[in-house]
Amino acid sequence: MQIRLYLDEDAMDSDLVHALRMHGVDVTTALDEGLIEHYDNDHLAFATSQSRALYSFNAGDYLALHSEYLTQGRHHAGIILAAQQRYSVGEQMRRLLRFINLRSADIICWACLLP
């Protein structure tokens, strides 16, 4: 099964979303889901409830939430983190597509930095 994505409001660039959708990625955003200005734990809870990996630039907060989930014995569908303003939209798309194509949603529960 292919990884499905949820982009929080930090990462939900409309050009990136459009490009991912054009490449067949199942992606939704905080805007699509009415979650603008919600807390990070709300974003992760939504992504988890929908079996979607969360993509964000907010490494510090999501790594802390990932640790909290593990400590509590809870699981999520994955957290993909990237450094903000490090990658162009095109480079984010290429890296996300490569990441998605190399992994299966059936075997993930992790937090990682986009290489």
PDB file of N, CA and C in Angstrom:
ATOM      1  N   MET A   1       0.847  -1.175   0.000  1.00  0.00           N
ATOM      2  CA  MET A   1       0.000   0.000   0.000  1.00  0.00           C
ATOM      3  C   MET A   1       0.896   1.244   0.000  1.00  0.00           C
ATOM      4  N   GLN A   2       0.568   2.210  -0.817  1.00  0.00           N
ATOM      5  CA  GLN A   2       1.370   3.425  -0.918  1.00  0.00           C
ATOM      6  C   GLN A   2       1.103   4.374   0.256  1.00  0.00           C
ATOM      7  N   ILE A   3       2.128   5.064   0.666  1.00  0.00           N
ATOM      8  CA  ILE A   3       2.020   6.051   1.736  1.00  0.00           C
ATOM      9  C   ILE A   3       1.112   7.186   1.297  1.00  0.00           C
ATOM     10  N   ARG A   4       0.176   7.548   2.164  1.00  0.00           N
ATOM     11  CA  ARG A   4      -0.700   8.709   1.941  1.00  0.00           C
ATOM     12  C   ARG A   4      -0.197   9.829   2.828  1.00  0.00           C
ATOM     13  N   LEU A   5      -0.264  11.064   2.333  1.00  0.00           N
ATOM     14  CA  LEU A   5       0.321  12.190   3.049  1.00  0.00           C
ATOM     15  C   LEU A   5      -0.706  13.174   3.588  1.00  0.00           C
ATOM     16  N   TYR A   6      -0.338  13.771   4.703  1.00  0.00           N
ATOM     17  CA  TYR A   6      -1.043  14.924   5.265  1.00  0.00           C
ATOM     18  C   TYR A   6       0.011  15.998   5.486  1.00  0.00           C
ATOM     19  N   LEU A   7      -0.179  17.177   4.897  1.00  0.00           N
ATOM     20  CA  LEU A   7       0.748  18.286   5.051  1.00  0.00           C
ATOM     21  C   LEU A   7       0.175  19.291   6.027  1.00  0.00           C
ATOM     22  N   ASP A   8       0.931  19.560   7.097  1.00  0.00           N
ATOM     23  CA  ASP A   8       0.459  20.554   8.056  1.00  0.00           C
ATOM     24  C   ASP A   8       0.581  21.945   7.444  1.00  0.00           C
ATOM     25  N   GLU A   9       0.157  22.961   8.168  1.00  0.00           N
ATOM     26  CA  GLU A   9       0.116  24.291   7.566  1.00  0.00           C
ATOM     27  C   GLU A   9       1.489  24.872   7.270  1.00  0.00           C
ATOM     28  N   ASP A  10       2.542  24.370   7.906  1.00  0.00           N
ATOM     29  CA  ASP A  10       3.889  24.836   7.590  1.00  0.00           C
ATOM     30  C   ASP A  10       4.360  24.341   6.226  1.00  0.00           C
ATOM     31  N   ALA A  11       3.932  23.161   5.830  1.00  0.00           N
ATOM     32  CA  ALA A  11       4.459  22.512   4.630  1.00  0.00           C
ATOM     33  C   ALA A  11       3.492  22.493   3.451  1.00  0.00           C
ATOM     34  N   MET A  12       2.311  23.049   3.593  1.00  0.00           N
ATOM     35  CA  MET A  12       1.258  22.846   2.581  1.00  0.00           C
ATOM     36  C   MET A  12       1.305  23.846   1.430  1.00  0.00           C
ATOM     37  N   ASP A  13       2.455  24.051   0.849  1.00  0.00           N
ATOM     38  CA  ASP A  13       2.593  24.905  -0.319  1.00  0.00           C
ATOM     39  C   ASP A  13       1.685  24.386  -1.446  1.00  0.00           C
ATOM     40  N   SER A  14       0.885  25.265  -2.010  1.00  0.00           N
ATOM     41  CA  SER A  14      -0.091  24.832  -3.028  1.00  0.00           C
ATOM     42  C   SER A  14       0.583  24.245  -4.260  1.00  0.00           C
ATOM     43  N   ASP A  15       1.756  24.751  -4.633  1.00  0.00           N
ATOM     44  CA  ASP A  15       2.471  24.185  -5.783  1.00  0.00           C
ATOM     45  C   ASP A  15       2.956  22.769  -5.490  1.00  0.00           C
ATOM     46  N   LEU A  16       3.415  22.535  -4.271  1.00  0.00           N
ATOM     47  CA  LEU A  16       3.857  21.199  -3.884  1.00  0.00           C
ATOM     48  C   LEU A  16       2.677  20.235  -3.873  1.00  0.00           C
ATOM     49  N   VAL A  17       1.583  20.653  -3.298  1.00  0.00           N
ATOM     50  CA  VAL A  17       0.386  19.805  -3.241  1.00  0.00           C
ATOM     51  C   VAL A  17      -0.074  19.451  -4.656  1.00  0.00           C
ATOM     52  N   HIS A  18      -0.130  20.440  -5.517  1.00  0.00           N
ATOM     53  CA  HIS A  18      -0.555  20.205  -6.905  1.00  0.00           C
ATOM     54  C   HIS A  18       0.400  19.223  -7.594  1.00  0.00           C
ATOM     55  N   ALA A  19       1.692  19.432  -7.439  1.00  0.00           N
ATOM     56  CA  ALA A  19       2.682  18.562  -8.089  1.00  0.00           C
ATOM     57  C   ALA A  19       2.566  17.129  -7.577  1.00  0.00           C
ATOM     58  N   LEU A  20       2.406  16.963  -6.270  1.00  0.00           N
ATOM     59  CA  LEU A  20       2.262  15.610  -5.722  1.00  0.00           C
ATOM     60  C   LEU A  20       1.008  14.938  -6.253  1.00  0.00           C
ATOM     61  N   ARG A  21      -0.078  15.675  -6.309  1.00  0.00           N
ATOM     62  CA  ARG A  21      -1.332  15.112  -6.840  1.00  0.00           C
ATOM     63  C   ARG A  21      -1.189  14.747  -8.313  1.00  0.00           C
ATOM     64  N   MET A  22      -0.472  15.560  -9.062  1.00  0.00           N
ATOM     65  CA  MET A  22      -0.250  15.260 -10.486  1.00  0.00           C
ATOM     66  C   MET A  22       0.556  13.963 -10.655  1.00  0.00           C
ATOM     67  N   HIS A  23       1.330  13.603  -9.641  1.00  0.00           N
ATOM     68  CA  HIS A  23       2.107  12.370  -9.672  1.00  0.00           C
ATOM     69  C   HIS A  23       1.384  11.217  -8.977  1.00  0.00           C
ATOM     70  N   GLY A  24       0.108  11.403  -8.705  1.00  0.00           N
ATOM     71  CA  GLY A  24      -0.703  10.309  -8.174  1.00  0.00           C
ATOM     72  C   GLY A  24      -0.624  10.086  -6.676  1.00  0.00           C
ATOM     73  N   VAL A  25      -0.045  11.028  -5.951  1.00  0.00           N
ATOM     74  CA  VAL A  25       0.055  10.876  -4.499  1.00  0.00           C
ATOM     75  C   VAL A  25      -1.268  11.276  -3.855  1.00  0.00           C
ATOM     76  N   ASP A  26      -1.731  10.471  -2.930  1.00  0.00           N
ATOM     77  CA  ASP A  26      -2.921  10.781  -2.150  1.00  0.00           C
ATOM     78  C   ASP A  26      -2.488  11.728  -1.044  1.00  0.00           C
ATOM     79  N   VAL A  27      -2.799  13.007  -1.197  1.00  0.00           N
ATOM     80  CA  VAL A  27      -2.341  14.028  -0.261  1.00  0.00           C
ATOM     81  C   VAL A  27      -3.491  14.942   0.120  1.00  0.00           C
ATOM     82  N   THR A  28      -3.533  15.294   1.401  1.00  0.00           N
ATOM     83  CA  THR A  28      -4.470  16.286   1.886  1.00  0.00           C
ATOM     84  C   THR A  28      -3.700  17.243   2.784  1.00  0.00           C
ATOM     85  N   THR A  29      -4.304  18.392   3.073  1.00  0.00           N
ATOM     86  CA  THR A  29      -3.600  19.431   3.825  1.00  0.00           C
ATOM     87  C   THR A  29      -4.437  19.927   4.998  1.00  0.00           C
ATOM     88  N   ALA A  30      -3.784  20.678   5.851  1.00  0.00           N
ATOM     89  CA  ALA A  30      -4.488  21.310   6.967  1.00  0.00           C
ATOM     90  C   ALA A  30      -5.606  22.213   6.447  1.00  0.00           C
ATOM     91  N   LEU A  31      -5.374  22.891   5.345  1.00  0.00           N
ATOM     92  CA  LEU A  31      -6.408  23.750   4.755  1.00  0.00           C
ATOM     93  C   LEU A  31      -7.583  22.913   4.267  1.00  0.00           C
ATOM     94  N   ASP A  32      -7.299  21.842   3.549  1.00  0.00           N
ATOM     95  CA  ASP A  32      -8.360  20.952   3.054  1.00  0.00           C
ATOM     96  C   ASP A  32      -9.230  20.434   4.194  1.00  0.00           C
ATOM     97  N   GLU A  33      -8.612  20.170   5.334  1.00  0.00           N
ATOM     98  CA  GLU A  33      -9.294  19.516   6.450  1.00  0.00           C
ATOM     99  C   GLU A  33      -9.789  20.484   7.518  1.00  0.00           C
ATOM    100  N   GLY A  34      -9.644  21.792   7.286  1.00  0.00           N
ATOM    101  CA  GLY A  34     -10.121  22.783   8.248  1.00  0.00           C
ATOM    102  C   GLY A  34      -9.317  22.807   9.538  1.00  0.00           C
ATOM    103  N   LEU A  35      -8.027  22.518   9.445  1.00  0.00           N
ATOM    104  CA  LEU A  35      -7.195  22.455  10.643  1.00  0.00           C
ATOM    105  C   LEU A  35      -6.158  23.580  10.725  1.00  0.00           C
ATOM    106  N   ILE A  36      -6.416  24.690  10.067  1.00  0.00           N
ATOM    107  CA  ILE A  36      -5.520  25.842  10.147  1.00  0.00           C
ATOM    108  C   ILE A  36      -5.537  26.384  11.573  1.00  0.00           C
ATOM    109  N   GLU A  37      -4.361  26.737  12.072  1.00  0.00           N
ATOM    110  CA  GLU A  37      -4.163  27.291  13.415  1.00  0.00           C
ATOM    111  C   GLU A  37      -4.511  26.315  14.533  1.00  0.00           C
ATOM    112  N   HIS A  38      -4.425  25.027  14.244  1.00  0.00           N
ATOM    113  CA  HIS A  38      -4.584  24.009  15.284  1.00  0.00           C
ATOM    114  C   HIS A  38      -3.218  23.638  15.835  1.00  0.00           C
ATOM    115  N   TYR A  39      -3.213  23.017  16.992  1.00  0.00           N
ATOM    116  CA  TYR A  39      -1.972  22.580  17.620  1.00  0.00           C
ATOM    117  C   TYR A  39      -1.368  21.407  16.851  1.00  0.00           C
ATOM    118  N   ASP A  40      -0.057  21.240  16.995  1.00  0.00           N
ATOM    119  CA  ASP A  40       0.646  20.151  16.313  1.00  0.00           C
ATOM    120  C   ASP A  40       0.074  18.787  16.691  1.00  0.00           C
ATOM    121  N   ASN A  41      -0.296  18.615  17.961  1.00  0.00           N
ATOM    122  CA  ASN A  41      -0.857  17.316  18.350  1.00  0.00           C
ATOM    123  C   ASN A  41      -2.189  17.057  17.641  1.00  0.00           C
ATOM    124  N   ASP A  42      -2.937  18.112  17.297  1.00  0.00           N
ATOM    125  CA  ASP A  42      -4.172  17.938  16.524  1.00  0.00           C
ATOM    126  C   ASP A  42      -3.859  17.466  15.103  1.00  0.00           C
ATOM    127  N   HIS A  43      -2.814  18.039  14.516  1.00  0.00           N
ATOM    128  CA  HIS A  43      -2.417  17.632  13.162  1.00  0.00           C
ATOM    129  C   HIS A  43      -1.982  16.168  13.146  1.00  0.00           C
ATOM    130  N   LEU A  44      -1.157  15.786  14.126  1.00  0.00           N
ATOM    131  CA  LEU A  44      -0.700  14.398  14.172  1.00  0.00           C
ATOM    132  C   LEU A  44      -1.859  13.448  14.468  1.00  0.00           C
ATOM    133  N   ALA A  45      -2.752  13.844  15.335  1.00  0.00           N
ATOM    134  CA  ALA A  45      -3.918  13.000  15.643  1.00  0.00           C
ATOM    135  C   ALA A  45      -4.784  12.808  14.403  1.00  0.00           C
ATOM    136  N   PHE A  46      -4.998  13.886  13.639  1.00  0.00           N
ATOM    137  CA  PHE A  46      -5.788  13.754  12.418  1.00  0.00           C
ATOM    138  C   PHE A  46      -5.089  12.830  11.427  1.00  0.00           C
ATOM    139  N   ALA A  47      -3.798  13.073  11.185  1.00  0.00           N
ATOM    140  CA  ALA A  47      -3.053  12.235  10.233  1.00  0.00           C
ATOM    141  C   ALA A  47      -3.120  10.772  10.661  1.00  0.00           C
ATOM    142  N   THR A  48      -2.959  10.531  11.950  1.00  0.00           N
ATOM    143  CA  THR A  48      -3.013   9.165  12.471  1.00  0.00           C
ATOM    144  C   THR A  48      -4.391   8.549  12.247  1.00  0.00           C
ATOM    145  N   SER A  49      -5.436   9.311  12.503  1.00  0.00           N
ATOM    146  CA  SER A  49      -6.803   8.790  12.340  1.00  0.00           C
ATOM    147  C   SER A  49      -7.116   8.439  10.892  1.00  0.00           C
ATOM    148  N   GLN A  50      -6.402   9.066   9.961  1.00  0.00           N
ATOM    149  CA  GLN A  50      -6.620   8.829   8.535  1.00  0.00           C
ATOM    150  C   GLN A  50      -5.547   7.928   7.919  1.00  0.00           C
ATOM    151  N   SER A  51      -4.682   7.357   8.745  1.00  0.00           N
ATOM    152  CA  SER A  51      -3.556   6.518   8.286  1.00  0.00           C
ATOM    153  C   SER A  51      -2.690   7.248   7.259  1.00  0.00           C
ATOM    154  N   ARG A  52      -2.378   8.495   7.565  1.00  0.00           N
ATOM    155  CA  ARG A  52      -1.551   9.321   6.690  1.00  0.00           C
ATOM    156  C   ARG A  52      -0.252   9.675   7.399  1.00  0.00           C
ATOM    157  N   ALA A  53       0.838   9.669   6.658  1.00  0.00           N
ATOM    158  CA  ALA A  53       2.105  10.171   7.185  1.00  0.00           C
ATOM    159  C   ALA A  53       2.038  11.692   7.148  1.00  0.00           C
ATOM    160  N   LEU A  54       2.483  12.310   8.210  1.00  0.00           N
ATOM    161  CA  LEU A  54       2.475  13.762   8.317  1.00  0.00           C
ATOM    162  C   LEU A  54       3.783  14.314   7.772  1.00  0.00           C
ATOM    163  N   TYR A  55       3.706  15.358   6.937  1.00  0.00           N
ATOM    164  CA  TYR A  55       4.892  16.037   6.410  1.00  0.00           C
ATOM    165  C   TYR A  55       4.909  17.455   6.948  1.00  0.00           C
ATOM    166  N   SER A  56       6.064  17.856   7.499  1.00  0.00           N
ATOM    167  CA  SER A  56       6.172  19.175   8.122  1.00  0.00           C
ATOM    168  C   SER A  56       7.618  19.652   8.141  1.00  0.00           C
ATOM    169  N   PHE A  57       7.781  20.936   8.414  1.00  0.00           N
ATOM    170  CA  PHE A  57       9.104  21.521   8.657  1.00  0.00           C
ATOM    171  C   PHE A  57       9.360  21.670  10.154  1.00  0.00           C
ATOM    172  N   ASN A  58       8.383  21.371  10.969  1.00  0.00           N
ATOM    173  CA  ASN A  58       8.431  21.618  12.407  1.00  0.00           C
ATOM    174  C   ASN A  58       9.067  20.427  13.137  1.00  0.00           C
ATOM    175  N   ALA A  59      10.357  20.269  12.946  1.00  0.00           N
ATOM    176  CA  ALA A  59      11.060  19.090  13.460  1.00  0.00           C
ATOM    177  C   ALA A  59      11.001  18.976  14.983  1.00  0.00           C
ATOM    178  N   GLY A  60      11.291  20.037  15.675  1.00  0.00           N
ATOM    179  CA  GLY A  60      11.363  19.970  17.136  1.00  0.00           C
ATOM    180  C   GLY A  60      10.090  19.479  17.786  1.00  0.00           C
ATOM    181  N   ASP A  61       8.974  20.077  17.419  1.00  0.00           N
ATOM    182  CA  ASP A  61       7.700  19.708  18.043  1.00  0.00           C
ATOM    183  C   ASP A  61       7.261  18.298  17.663  1.00  0.00           C
ATOM    184  N   TYR A  62       7.439  17.931  16.387  1.00  0.00           N
ATOM    185  CA  TYR A  62       6.974  16.602  15.972  1.00  0.00           C
ATOM    186  C   TYR A  62       7.882  15.481  16.471  1.00  0.00           C
ATOM    187  N   LEU A  63       9.172  15.752  16.624  1.00  0.00           N
ATOM    188  CA  LEU A  63      10.034  14.732  17.227  1.00  0.00           C
ATOM    189  C   LEU A  63       9.638  14.507  18.685  1.00  0.00           C
ATOM    190  N   ALA A  64       9.279  15.585  19.381  1.00  0.00           N
ATOM    191  CA  ALA A  64       8.806  15.454  20.769  1.00  0.00           C
ATOM    192  C   ALA A  64       7.499  14.669  20.814  1.00  0.00           C
ATOM    193  N   LEU A  65       6.581  14.963  19.885  1.00  0.00           N
ATOM    194  CA  LEU A  65       5.312  14.222  19.845  1.00  0.00           C
ATOM    195  C   LEU A  65       5.548  12.756  19.500  1.00  0.00           C
ATOM    196  N   HIS A  66       6.482  12.488  18.605  1.00  0.00           N
ATOM    197  CA  HIS A  66       6.822  11.109  18.248  1.00  0.00           C
ATOM    198  C   HIS A  66       7.304  10.356  19.499  1.00  0.00           C
ATOM    199  N   SER A  67       8.197  10.988  20.253  1.00  0.00           N
ATOM    200  CA  SER A  67       8.698  10.366  21.491  1.00  0.00           C
ATOM    201  C   SER A  67       7.566  10.135  22.487  1.00  0.00           C
ATOM    202  N   GLU A  68       6.671  11.106  22.587  1.00  0.00           N
ATOM    203  CA  GLU A  68       5.517  10.969  23.485  1.00  0.00           C
ATOM    204  C   GLU A  68       4.648   9.788  23.069  1.00  0.00           C
ATOM    205  N   TYR A  69       4.386   9.668  21.770  1.00  0.00           N
ATOM    206  CA  TYR A  69       3.600   8.532  21.277  1.00  0.00           C
ATOM    207  C   TYR A  69       4.263   7.217  21.664  1.00  0.00           C
ATOM    208  N   LEU A  70       5.577   7.114  21.434  1.00  0.00           N
ATOM    209  CA  LEU A  70       6.288   5.871  21.742  1.00  0.00           C
ATOM    210  C   LEU A  70       6.240   5.554  23.227  1.00  0.00           C
ATOM    211  N   THR A  71       6.446   6.564  24.065  1.00  0.00           N
ATOM    212  CA  THR A  71       6.417   6.385  25.513  1.00  0.00           C
ATOM    213  C   THR A  71       5.058   5.875  25.980  1.00  0.00           C
ATOM    214  N   GLN A  72       3.994   6.353  25.328  1.00  0.00           N
ATOM    215  CA  GLN A  72       2.640   5.971  25.710  1.00  0.00           C
ATOM    216  C   GLN A  72       2.161   4.693  25.006  1.00  0.00           C
ATOM    217  N   GLY A  73       3.030   4.093  24.175  1.00  0.00           N
ATOM    218  CA  GLY A  73       2.650   2.883  23.457  1.00  0.00           C
ATOM    219  C   GLY A  73       1.672   3.141  22.327  1.00  0.00           C
ATOM    220  N   ARG A  74       1.610   4.369  21.879  1.00  0.00           N
ATOM    221  CA  ARG A  74       0.716   4.747  20.773  1.00  0.00           C
ATOM    222  C   ARG A  74       1.489   4.702  19.457  1.00  0.00           C
ATOM    223  N   HIS A  75       0.755   4.623  18.360  1.00  0.00           N
ATOM    224  CA  HIS A  75       1.371   4.559  17.040  1.00  0.00           C
ATOM    225  C   HIS A  75       0.784   5.647  16.151  1.00  0.00           C
ATOM    226  N   HIS A  76       1.558   6.059  15.172  1.00  0.00           N
ATOM    227  CA  HIS A  76       1.091   6.979  14.135  1.00  0.00           C
ATOM    228  C   HIS A  76       1.510   6.388  12.797  1.00  0.00           C
ATOM    229  N   ALA A  77       1.090   7.007  11.717  1.00  0.00           N
ATOM    230  CA  ALA A  77       1.374   6.473  10.378  1.00  0.00           C
ATOM    231  C   ALA A  77       2.677   7.003   9.805  1.00  0.00           C
ATOM    232  N   GLY A  78       3.421   7.760  10.578  1.00  0.00           N
ATOM    233  CA  GLY A  78       4.721   8.262  10.139  1.00  0.00           C
ATOM    234  C   GLY A  78       4.774   9.781  10.172  1.00  0.00           C
ATOM    235  N   ILE A  79       5.970  10.284  10.376  1.00  0.00           N
ATOM    236  CA  ILE A  79       6.229  11.718  10.360  1.00  0.00           C
ATOM    237  C   ILE A  79       7.450  11.933   9.479  1.00  0.00           C
ATOM    238  N   ILE A  80       7.293  12.744   8.459  1.00  0.00           N
ATOM    239  CA  ILE A  80       8.388  13.074   7.544  1.00  0.00           C
ATOM    240  C   ILE A  80       8.711  14.541   7.761  1.00  0.00           C
ATOM    241  N   LEU A  81       9.962  14.822   8.098  1.00  0.00           N
ATOM    242  CA  LEU A  81      10.367  16.183   8.425  1.00  0.00           C
ATOM    243  C   LEU A  81      11.437  16.671   7.456  1.00  0.00           C
ATOM    244  N   ALA A  82      11.386  17.945   7.139  1.00  0.00           N
ATOM    245  CA  ALA A  82      12.390  18.567   6.270  1.00  0.00           C
ATOM    246  C   ALA A  82      12.745  19.930   6.831  1.00  0.00           C
ATOM    247  N   ALA A  83      13.929  20.385   6.508  1.00  0.00           N
ATOM    248  CA  ALA A  83      14.361  21.710   6.937  1.00  0.00           C
ATOM    249  C   ALA A  83      13.647  22.767   6.087  1.00  0.00           C
ATOM    250  N   GLN A  84      13.012  23.717   6.754  1.00  0.00           N
ATOM    251  CA  GLN A  84      12.279  24.765   6.039  1.00  0.00           C
ATOM    252  C   GLN A  84      13.246  25.616   5.225  1.00  0.00           C
ATOM    253  N   GLN A  85      12.849  25.955   4.036  1.00  0.00           N
ATOM    254  CA  GLN A  85      13.592  26.793   3.097  1.00  0.00           C
ATOM    255  C   GLN A  85      14.891  26.158   2.634  1.00  0.00           C
ATOM    256  N   ARG A  86      15.086  24.892   2.904  1.00  0.00           N
ATOM    257  CA  ARG A  86      16.286  24.212   2.419  1.00  0.00           C
ATOM    258  C   ARG A  86      16.073  23.680   1.010  1.00  0.00           C
ATOM    259  N   TYR A  87      14.850  23.249   0.729  1.00  0.00           N
ATOM    260  CA  TYR A  87      14.548  22.625  -0.555  1.00  0.00           C
ATOM    261  C   TYR A  87      13.509  23.439  -1.322  1.00  0.00           C
ATOM    262  N   SER A  88      13.697  23.538  -2.621  1.00  0.00           N
ATOM    263  CA  SER A  88      12.687  24.161  -3.474  1.00  0.00           C
ATOM    264  C   SER A  88      11.468  23.242  -3.521  1.00  0.00           C
ATOM    265  N   VAL A  89      10.372  23.754  -4.050  1.00  0.00           N
ATOM    266  CA  VAL A  89       9.169  22.931  -4.209  1.00  0.00           C
ATOM    267  C   VAL A  89       9.481  21.708  -5.064  1.00  0.00           C
ATOM    268  N   GLY A  90      10.199  21.911  -6.153  1.00  0.00           N
ATOM    269  CA  GLY A  90      10.561  20.788  -7.029  1.00  0.00           C
ATOM    270  C   GLY A  90      11.401  19.752  -6.319  1.00  0.00           C
ATOM    271  N   GLU A  91      12.350  20.211  -5.514  1.00  0.00           N
ATOM    272  CA  GLU A  91      13.211  19.278  -4.786  1.00  0.00           C
ATOM    273  C   GLU A  91      12.422  18.554  -3.693  1.00  0.00           C
ATOM    274  N   GLN A  92      11.520  19.245  -3.016  1.00  0.00           N
ATOM    275  CA  GLN A  92      10.662  18.574  -2.023  1.00  0.00           C
ATOM    276  C   GLN A  92       9.845  17.484  -2.700  1.00  0.00           C
ATOM    277  N   MET A  93       9.262  17.814  -3.854  1.00  0.00           N
ATOM    278  CA  MET A  93       8.445  16.845  -4.582  1.00  0.00           C
ATOM    279  C   MET A  93       9.286  15.630  -4.953  1.00  0.00           C
ATOM    280  N   ARG A  94      10.471  15.841  -5.526  1.00  0.00           N
ATOM    281  CA  ARG A  94      11.322  14.722  -5.929  1.00  0.00           C
ATOM    282  C   ARG A  94      11.698  13.847  -4.724  1.00  0.00           C
ATOM    283  N   ARG A  95      12.067  14.484  -3.631  1.00  0.00           N
ATOM    284  CA  ARG A  95      12.475  13.726  -2.451  1.00  0.00           C
ATOM    285  C   ARG A  95      11.301  12.980  -1.821  1.00  0.00           C
ATOM    286  N   LEU A  96      10.135  13.624  -1.769  1.00  0.00           N
ATOM    287  CA  LEU A  96       8.952  12.939  -1.237  1.00  0.00           C
ATOM    288  C   LEU A  96       8.547  11.778  -2.128  1.00  0.00           C
ATOM    289  N   LEU A  97       8.570  11.960  -3.439  1.00  0.00           N
ATOM    290  CA  LEU A  97       8.220  10.868  -4.351  1.00  0.00           C
ATOM    291  C   LEU A  97       9.188   9.699  -4.200  1.00  0.00           C
ATOM    292  N   ARG A  98      10.476  10.003  -4.098  1.00  0.00           N
ATOM    293  CA  ARG A  98      11.473   8.941  -3.916  1.00  0.00           C
ATOM    294  C   ARG A  98      11.221   8.219  -2.589  1.00  0.00           C
ATOM    295  N   PHE A  99      10.956   8.973  -1.543  1.00  0.00           N
ATOM    296  CA  PHE A  99      10.682   8.403  -0.223  1.00  0.00           C
ATOM    297  C   PHE A  99       9.452   7.491  -0.271  1.00  0.00           C
ATOM    298  N   ILE A 100       8.375   7.991  -0.862  1.00  0.00           N
ATOM    299  CA  ILE A 100       7.125   7.226  -0.957  1.00  0.00           C
ATOM    300  C   ILE A 100       7.322   5.949  -1.761  1.00  0.00           C
ATOM    301  N   ASN A 101       8.068   6.044  -2.843  1.00  0.00           N
ATOM    302  CA  ASN A 101       8.255   4.886  -3.715  1.00  0.00           C
ATOM    303  C   ASN A 101       9.175   3.828  -3.130  1.00  0.00           C
ATOM    304  N   LEU A 102       9.961   4.196  -2.112  1.00  0.00           N
ATOM    305  CA  LEU A 102      10.880   3.240  -1.505  1.00  0.00           C
ATOM    306  C   LEU A 102      10.334   2.596  -0.243  1.00  0.00           C
ATOM    307  N   ARG A 103       9.185   3.059   0.217  1.00  0.00           N
ATOM    308  CA  ARG A 103       8.626   2.567   1.472  1.00  0.00           C
ATOM    309  C   ARG A 103       7.163   2.187   1.314  1.00  0.00           C
ATOM    310  N   SER A 104       6.709   1.325   2.175  1.00  0.00           N
ATOM    311  CA  SER A 104       5.317   0.888   2.167  1.00  0.00           C
ATOM    312  C   SER A 104       4.615   1.403   3.413  1.00  0.00           C
ATOM    313  N   ALA A 105       3.391   1.839   3.264  1.00  0.00           N
ATOM    314  CA  ALA A 105       2.604   2.311   4.401  1.00  0.00           C
ATOM    315  C   ALA A 105       2.303   1.180   5.378  1.00  0.00           C
ATOM    316  N   ASP A 106       2.424  -0.059   4.934  1.00  0.00           N
ATOM    317  CA  ASP A 106       2.131  -1.203   5.800  1.00  0.00           C
ATOM    318  C   ASP A 106       3.170  -1.405   6.899  1.00  0.00           C
ATOM    319  N   ILE A 107       4.355  -0.842   6.731  1.00  0.00           N
ATOM    320  CA  ILE A 107       5.437  -1.158   7.666  1.00  0.00           C
ATOM    321  C   ILE A 107       6.023   0.077   8.341  1.00  0.00           C
ATOM    322  N   ILE A 108       5.300   1.200   8.335  1.00  0.00           N
ATOM    323  CA  ILE A 108       5.904   2.407   8.899  1.00  0.00           C
ATOM    324  C   ILE A 108       5.277   2.827  10.214  1.00  0.00           C
ATOM    325  N   CYS A 109       6.091   3.278  11.089  1.00  0.00           N
ATOM    326  CA  CYS A 109       5.723   4.016  12.300  1.00  0.00           C
ATOM    327  C   CYS A 109       7.021   4.643  12.763  1.00  0.00           C
ATOM    328  N   TRP A 110       7.337   5.797  12.218  1.00  0.00           N
ATOM    329  CA  TRP A 110       8.634   6.402  12.414  1.00  0.00           C
ATOM    330  C   TRP A 110       8.555   7.897  12.316  1.00  0.00           C
ATOM    331  N   ALA A 111       9.619   8.510  12.665  1.00  0.00           N
ATOM    332  CA  ALA A 111       9.806   9.933  12.422  1.00  0.00           C
ATOM    333  C   ALA A 111      11.161  10.047  11.752  1.00  0.00           C
ATOM    334  N   CYS A 112      11.252  10.744  10.656  1.00  0.00           N
ATOM    335  CA  CYS A 112      12.522  10.830   9.954  1.00  0.00           C
ATOM    336  C   CYS A 112      12.696  12.208   9.328  1.00  0.00           C
ATOM    337  N   LEU A 113      13.935  12.529   9.061  1.00  0.00           N
ATOM    338  CA  LEU A 113      14.255  13.750   8.347  1.00  0.00           C
ATOM    339  C   LEU A 113      14.397  13.405   6.891  1.00  0.00           C
ATOM    340  N   LEU A 114      13.784  14.204   6.028  1.00  0.00           N
ATOM    341  CA  LEU A 114      13.880  13.987   4.595  1.00  0.00           C
ATOM    342  C   LEU A 114      15.329  14.171   4.172  1.00  0.00           C
ATOM    343  N   PRO A 115      15.934  13.138   3.544  1.00  0.00           N
ATOM    344  CA  PRO A 115      17.350  13.237   3.169  1.00  0.00           C
ATOM    345  C   PRO A 115      17.579  14.276   2.094  1.00  0.00           C
TER     346      PRO A 115
END
